[in-house]
Amino acid sequence: MFLGMRTVTYTTPDLAAGKAWYTSVLGHDPYFDEPYYVGFNVAGYELGLIPDGDGGSGGTTFFWGVDEIETAVERLTNLGATPTQAPTDVGGGIRVATVTDPFGNVLGVIENPHFVQATAG
């Protein structure tokens, strides 16, 4: 079911400041820049920033790539996970969803038609 590791997201109370800081860290601008999400390509993987209006302590969600997000969420739910975010289009044809595994961990899945999977060679 999982195609490989794809995306990690970090929350930030100030998306513009987060974008500026990670632009400096990575040495390049994001490839996706919207008020609700900033995405950087890091050697074929994605580092995403999402706004955290609460100004909390931050948070991280790792997203596993899948071909069919509804099928993946259904399978994870059937295996005991609890859906926490239904499949959602976040722009550009990219869809994400999250579940909580039976142990309390947030597990993300992402259907991203723009992701080019590296091949072994």
N, C-alpha and C. Protein backbone atom coordinates (compact mmCIF):
# COMPACT_ATOMS: atom_id res chain seq x y z
N MET A 1 0.83 -1.20 0.00
CA MET A 1 0.00 0.00 0.00
C MET A 1 0.87 1.25 0.00
N PHE A 2 1.83 1.37 0.91
CA PHE A 2 2.67 2.57 0.94
C PHE A 2 3.64 2.54 -0.22
N LEU A 3 3.79 3.68 -0.89
CA LEU A 3 4.71 3.81 -2.02
C LEU A 3 6.09 4.29 -1.57
N GLY A 4 6.18 4.83 -0.39
CA GLY A 4 7.44 5.33 0.13
C GLY A 4 7.21 6.60 0.91
N MET A 5 8.26 7.07 1.57
CA MET A 5 8.18 8.30 2.35
C MET A 5 8.08 9.47 1.37
N ARG A 6 7.23 10.43 1.68
CA ARG A 6 7.00 11.55 0.78
C ARG A 6 7.21 12.91 1.43
N THR A 7 6.43 13.16 2.49
CA THR A 7 6.27 14.52 3.00
C THR A 7 6.30 14.54 4.52
N VAL A 8 6.97 15.53 5.08
CA VAL A 8 6.85 15.82 6.50
C VAL A 8 6.36 17.25 6.59
N THR A 9 5.41 17.51 7.49
CA THR A 9 4.92 18.86 7.68
C THR A 9 5.26 19.33 9.10
N TYR A 10 5.58 20.61 9.18
CA TYR A 10 5.83 21.27 10.45
C TYR A 10 4.82 22.41 10.57
N THR A 11 4.30 22.61 11.78
CA THR A 11 3.42 23.75 12.02
C THR A 11 4.27 24.94 12.43
N THR A 12 3.75 26.12 12.13
CA THR A 12 4.42 27.36 12.51
C THR A 12 3.36 28.43 12.79
N PRO A 13 3.50 29.20 13.88
CA PRO A 13 2.53 30.24 14.16
C PRO A 13 2.63 31.42 13.19
N ASP A 14 3.75 31.55 12.49
CA ASP A 14 3.97 32.63 11.54
C ASP A 14 4.49 32.01 10.24
N LEU A 15 3.58 31.76 9.30
CA LEU A 15 3.94 31.06 8.07
C LEU A 15 4.99 31.83 7.27
N ALA A 16 4.89 33.13 7.21
CA ALA A 16 5.87 33.93 6.46
C ALA A 16 7.26 33.80 7.08
N ALA A 17 7.34 33.85 8.40
CA ALA A 17 8.63 33.70 9.07
C ALA A 17 9.18 32.29 8.87
N GLY A 18 8.29 31.30 8.93
CA GLY A 18 8.72 29.92 8.70
C GLY A 18 9.25 29.73 7.29
N LYS A 19 8.54 30.32 6.33
CA LYS A 19 8.97 30.23 4.93
C LYS A 19 10.34 30.88 4.76
N ALA A 20 10.53 32.05 5.35
CA ALA A 20 11.81 32.75 5.24
C ALA A 20 12.94 31.93 5.87
N TRP A 21 12.67 31.35 7.03
CA TRP A 21 13.71 30.60 7.73
C TRP A 21 14.10 29.36 6.94
N TYR A 22 13.10 28.60 6.47
CA TYR A 22 13.42 27.37 5.72
C TYR A 22 14.00 27.69 4.35
N THR A 23 13.65 28.82 3.75
CA THR A 23 14.29 29.24 2.51
C THR A 23 15.78 29.45 2.75
N SER A 24 16.11 30.08 3.88
CA SER A 24 17.52 30.28 4.23
C SER A 24 18.22 28.95 4.51
N VAL A 25 17.56 28.09 5.26
CA VAL A 25 18.14 26.79 5.61
C VAL A 25 18.42 25.95 4.35
N LEU A 26 17.44 25.90 3.46
CA LEU A 26 17.53 25.03 2.28
C LEU A 26 18.26 25.68 1.12
N GLY A 27 18.33 27.01 1.11
CA GLY A 27 19.02 27.70 0.03
C GLY A 27 18.21 27.86 -1.25
N HIS A 28 16.90 27.65 -1.16
CA HIS A 28 16.04 27.86 -2.34
C HIS A 28 14.61 28.14 -1.90
N ASP A 29 13.85 28.75 -2.81
CA ASP A 29 12.46 29.10 -2.54
C ASP A 29 11.57 27.86 -2.58
N PRO A 30 10.39 27.96 -1.96
CA PRO A 30 9.44 26.85 -2.04
C PRO A 30 8.91 26.71 -3.46
N TYR A 31 8.47 25.51 -3.81
CA TYR A 31 7.85 25.29 -5.12
C TYR A 31 6.34 25.53 -5.04
N PHE A 32 5.77 25.50 -3.82
CA PHE A 32 4.34 25.71 -3.61
C PHE A 32 4.21 26.71 -2.48
N ASP A 33 3.50 27.81 -2.72
CA ASP A 33 3.44 28.88 -1.74
C ASP A 33 2.05 29.49 -1.71
N GLU A 34 1.27 29.06 -0.74
CA GLU A 34 -0.10 29.54 -0.56
C GLU A 34 -0.28 29.92 0.91
N PRO A 35 -1.31 30.71 1.23
CA PRO A 35 -1.53 31.13 2.62
C PRO A 35 -1.79 29.96 3.58
N TYR A 36 -2.17 28.80 3.05
CA TYR A 36 -2.49 27.65 3.89
C TYR A 36 -1.41 26.57 3.86
N TYR A 37 -0.39 26.72 3.02
CA TYR A 37 0.65 25.69 2.90
C TYR A 37 1.83 26.21 2.10
N VAL A 38 3.02 25.89 2.57
CA VAL A 38 4.26 26.22 1.84
C VAL A 38 5.02 24.91 1.70
N GLY A 39 5.36 24.54 0.44
CA GLY A 39 6.04 23.27 0.20
C GLY A 39 7.39 23.45 -0.46
N PHE A 40 8.40 22.79 0.11
CA PHE A 40 9.75 22.81 -0.44
C PHE A 40 10.09 21.42 -0.98
N ASN A 41 10.75 21.37 -2.11
CA ASN A 41 11.30 20.12 -2.62
C ASN A 41 12.70 19.98 -2.05
N VAL A 42 12.92 18.90 -1.30
CA VAL A 42 14.23 18.65 -0.70
C VAL A 42 14.72 17.30 -1.23
N ALA A 43 15.49 17.35 -2.29
CA ALA A 43 16.06 16.14 -2.89
C ALA A 43 14.99 15.11 -3.23
N GLY A 44 13.87 15.59 -3.74
CA GLY A 44 12.81 14.68 -4.15
C GLY A 44 11.80 14.35 -3.06
N TYR A 45 11.97 14.92 -1.88
CA TYR A 45 11.01 14.75 -0.80
C TYR A 45 10.44 16.12 -0.48
N GLU A 46 9.35 16.14 0.27
CA GLU A 46 8.71 17.42 0.55
C GLU A 46 8.78 17.77 2.02
N LEU A 47 9.17 19.01 2.29
CA LEU A 47 9.07 19.59 3.60
C LEU A 47 7.97 20.64 3.49
N GLY A 48 6.89 20.46 4.24
CA GLY A 48 5.76 21.37 4.16
C GLY A 48 5.57 22.14 5.45
N LEU A 49 5.16 23.38 5.32
CA LEU A 49 4.84 24.22 6.47
C LEU A 49 3.36 24.53 6.45
N ILE A 50 2.71 24.36 7.60
CA ILE A 50 1.29 24.69 7.71
C ILE A 50 1.11 25.66 8.88
N PRO A 51 0.18 26.60 8.74
CA PRO A 51 -0.01 27.58 9.81
C PRO A 51 -0.62 26.94 11.05
N ASP A 52 -0.16 27.40 12.20
CA ASP A 52 -0.68 26.98 13.49
C ASP A 52 -1.14 28.25 14.18
N GLY A 53 -2.40 28.60 13.99
CA GLY A 53 -2.93 29.84 14.53
C GLY A 53 -2.90 29.92 16.04
N ASP A 54 -2.77 28.76 16.72
CA ASP A 54 -2.74 28.76 18.18
C ASP A 54 -1.39 29.20 18.72
N GLY A 55 -0.37 29.20 17.85
CA GLY A 55 0.96 29.52 18.35
C GLY A 55 1.46 28.48 19.33
N GLY A 56 1.02 27.24 19.11
CA GLY A 56 1.39 26.14 20.00
C GLY A 56 2.87 25.78 19.88
N SER A 57 3.20 24.66 20.41
CA SER A 57 4.60 24.24 20.45
C SER A 57 5.04 23.59 19.15
N GLY A 58 4.21 23.64 18.12
CA GLY A 58 4.58 23.03 16.85
C GLY A 58 4.14 21.58 16.82
N GLY A 59 4.28 21.01 15.68
CA GLY A 59 3.91 19.62 15.52
C GLY A 59 4.40 19.11 14.19
N THR A 60 4.52 17.80 14.10
CA THR A 60 5.04 17.17 12.91
C THR A 60 4.10 16.05 12.49
N THR A 61 3.84 15.95 11.20
CA THR A 61 3.11 14.82 10.64
C THR A 61 3.89 14.33 9.45
N PHE A 62 4.12 13.03 9.41
CA PHE A 62 4.81 12.42 8.29
C PHE A 62 3.77 11.80 7.38
N PHE A 63 3.91 12.02 6.07
CA PHE A 63 2.95 11.51 5.10
C PHE A 63 3.57 10.46 4.21
N TRP A 64 2.92 9.30 4.14
CA TRP A 64 3.33 8.21 3.26
C TRP A 64 2.57 8.34 1.95
N GLY A 65 3.28 8.19 0.84
CA GLY A 65 2.65 8.28 -0.47
C GLY A 65 1.77 7.07 -0.74
N VAL A 66 0.62 7.33 -1.35
CA VAL A 66 -0.31 6.27 -1.76
C VAL A 66 -0.85 6.60 -3.14
N ASP A 67 -1.31 5.57 -3.85
CA ASP A 67 -1.92 5.77 -5.17
C ASP A 67 -3.37 6.24 -5.06
N GLU A 68 -4.14 5.63 -4.16
CA GLU A 68 -5.57 5.92 -4.03
C GLU A 68 -5.87 6.21 -2.56
N ILE A 69 -6.06 7.46 -2.25
CA ILE A 69 -6.16 7.88 -0.85
C ILE A 69 -7.37 7.29 -0.13
N GLU A 70 -8.53 7.23 -0.81
CA GLU A 70 -9.71 6.67 -0.14
C GLU A 70 -9.49 5.21 0.22
N THR A 71 -8.89 4.45 -0.69
CA THR A 71 -8.60 3.04 -0.44
C THR A 71 -7.64 2.89 0.73
N ALA A 72 -6.63 3.74 0.77
CA ALA A 72 -5.65 3.68 1.86
C ALA A 72 -6.30 3.97 3.21
N VAL A 73 -7.12 5.03 3.27
CA VAL A 73 -7.78 5.39 4.53
C VAL A 73 -8.73 4.28 4.96
N GLU A 74 -9.46 3.72 4.02
CA GLU A 74 -10.38 2.63 4.34
C GLU A 74 -9.62 1.42 4.91
N ARG A 75 -8.51 1.07 4.29
CA ARG A 75 -7.73 -0.07 4.77
C ARG A 75 -7.16 0.19 6.16
N LEU A 76 -6.61 1.38 6.38
CA LEU A 76 -6.06 1.71 7.68
C LEU A 76 -7.14 1.70 8.76
N THR A 77 -8.33 2.20 8.41
CA THR A 77 -9.45 2.20 9.35
C THR A 77 -9.89 0.77 9.67
N ASN A 78 -9.96 -0.07 8.65
CA ASN A 78 -10.34 -1.47 8.85
C ASN A 78 -9.32 -2.21 9.74
N LEU A 79 -8.08 -1.74 9.74
CA LEU A 79 -7.03 -2.35 10.55
C LEU A 79 -6.94 -1.75 11.96
N GLY A 80 -7.86 -0.83 12.29
CA GLY A 80 -7.92 -0.31 13.65
C GLY A 80 -7.56 1.14 13.84
N ALA A 81 -7.21 1.85 12.77
CA ALA A 81 -6.91 3.28 12.90
C ALA A 81 -8.21 4.08 12.99
N THR A 82 -8.11 5.28 13.55
CA THR A 82 -9.25 6.18 13.65
C THR A 82 -9.03 7.36 12.72
N PRO A 83 -9.95 7.59 11.76
CA PRO A 83 -9.77 8.74 10.86
C PRO A 83 -9.79 10.05 11.65
N THR A 84 -8.85 10.95 11.32
CA THR A 84 -8.81 12.25 11.98
C THR A 84 -8.97 13.40 10.99
N GLN A 85 -8.57 13.21 9.73
CA GLN A 85 -8.81 14.19 8.67
C GLN A 85 -9.18 13.41 7.42
N ALA A 86 -10.38 13.65 6.93
CA ALA A 86 -10.84 12.99 5.71
C ALA A 86 -9.97 13.42 4.53
N PRO A 87 -9.92 12.63 3.48
CA PRO A 87 -9.16 13.05 2.30
C PRO A 87 -9.57 14.46 1.87
N THR A 88 -8.56 15.32 1.75
CA THR A 88 -8.78 16.73 1.46
C THR A 88 -7.87 17.18 0.34
N ASP A 89 -8.43 17.88 -0.64
CA ASP A 89 -7.64 18.46 -1.72
C ASP A 89 -6.98 19.72 -1.18
N VAL A 90 -5.65 19.75 -1.20
CA VAL A 90 -4.92 20.90 -0.66
C VAL A 90 -4.35 21.77 -1.77
N GLY A 91 -4.79 21.53 -3.00
CA GLY A 91 -4.36 22.33 -4.13
C GLY A 91 -3.44 21.57 -5.05
N GLY A 92 -3.51 21.91 -6.31
CA GLY A 92 -2.62 21.31 -7.29
C GLY A 92 -2.86 19.83 -7.50
N GLY A 93 -4.06 19.34 -7.17
CA GLY A 93 -4.36 17.92 -7.32
C GLY A 93 -3.78 17.05 -6.22
N ILE A 94 -3.22 17.66 -5.19
CA ILE A 94 -2.62 16.92 -4.08
C ILE A 94 -3.69 16.72 -3.01
N ARG A 95 -3.81 15.49 -2.53
CA ARG A 95 -4.81 15.16 -1.52
C ARG A 95 -4.12 14.52 -0.32
N VAL A 96 -4.55 14.91 0.87
CA VAL A 96 -3.98 14.38 2.10
C VAL A 96 -5.08 13.91 3.04
N ALA A 97 -4.73 13.01 3.93
CA ALA A 97 -5.63 12.54 4.98
C ALA A 97 -4.76 12.08 6.14
N THR A 98 -5.36 12.07 7.33
CA THR A 98 -4.65 11.53 8.49
C THR A 98 -5.56 10.59 9.26
N VAL A 99 -4.91 9.65 9.93
CA VAL A 99 -5.58 8.75 10.86
C VAL A 99 -4.72 8.69 12.11
N THR A 100 -5.31 8.23 13.19
CA THR A 100 -4.55 7.95 14.40
C THR A 100 -4.46 6.44 14.53
N ASP A 101 -3.23 5.95 14.65
CA ASP A 101 -3.06 4.50 14.76
C ASP A 101 -3.52 4.03 16.13
N PRO A 102 -3.63 2.73 16.36
CA PRO A 102 -4.12 2.23 17.64
C PRO A 102 -3.25 2.62 18.83
N PHE A 103 -2.08 3.21 18.59
CA PHE A 103 -1.15 3.55 19.65
C PHE A 103 -1.07 5.05 19.90
N GLY A 104 -1.93 5.82 19.20
CA GLY A 104 -2.00 7.26 19.41
C GLY A 104 -1.15 8.10 18.48
N ASN A 105 -0.49 7.48 17.51
CA ASN A 105 0.35 8.22 16.57
C ASN A 105 -0.46 8.72 15.39
N VAL A 106 -0.19 9.94 14.94
CA VAL A 106 -0.82 10.47 13.74
C VAL A 106 -0.05 9.94 12.53
N LEU A 107 -0.78 9.33 11.62
CA LEU A 107 -0.20 8.76 10.41
C LEU A 107 -0.87 9.46 9.22
N GLY A 108 -0.05 10.09 8.37
CA GLY A 108 -0.58 10.80 7.22
C GLY A 108 -0.38 10.00 5.94
N VAL A 109 -1.32 10.17 5.02
CA VAL A 109 -1.18 9.61 3.68
C VAL A 109 -1.38 10.73 2.68
N ILE A 110 -0.65 10.67 1.56
CA ILE A 110 -0.71 11.72 0.56
C ILE A 110 -0.76 11.11 -0.83
N GLU A 111 -1.69 11.62 -1.63
CA GLU A 111 -1.80 11.26 -3.04
C GLU A 111 -1.33 12.50 -3.81
N ASN A 112 -0.14 12.41 -4.38
CA ASN A 112 0.48 13.58 -5.01
C ASN A 112 0.89 13.23 -6.43
N PRO A 113 0.11 13.68 -7.43
CA PRO A 113 0.43 13.34 -8.82
C PRO A 113 1.72 14.02 -9.32
N HIS A 114 2.24 14.97 -8.57
CA HIS A 114 3.44 15.69 -8.99
C HIS A 114 4.73 15.03 -8.49
N PHE A 115 4.58 14.08 -7.55
CA PHE A 115 5.76 13.44 -6.98
C PHE A 115 6.33 12.44 -7.97
N VAL A 116 7.60 12.59 -8.27
CA VAL A 116 8.28 11.66 -9.16
C VAL A 116 9.09 10.72 -8.29
N GLN A 117 8.71 9.45 -8.31
CA GLN A 117 9.38 8.48 -7.47
C GLN A 117 10.76 8.15 -8.04
N ALA A 118 11.75 8.21 -7.17
CA ALA A 118 13.11 7.87 -7.58
C ALA A 118 13.17 6.37 -7.87
N THR A 119 13.99 6.01 -8.83
CA THR A 119 14.16 4.59 -9.15
C THR A 119 15.56 4.16 -8.73
N ALA A 120 15.65 2.92 -8.31
CA ALA A 120 16.95 2.38 -7.93
C ALA A 120 17.79 2.20 -9.19
N GLY A 121 19.04 2.46 -9.09
CA GLY A 121 19.84 2.33 -10.28
C GLY A 121 21.22 2.20 -9.99
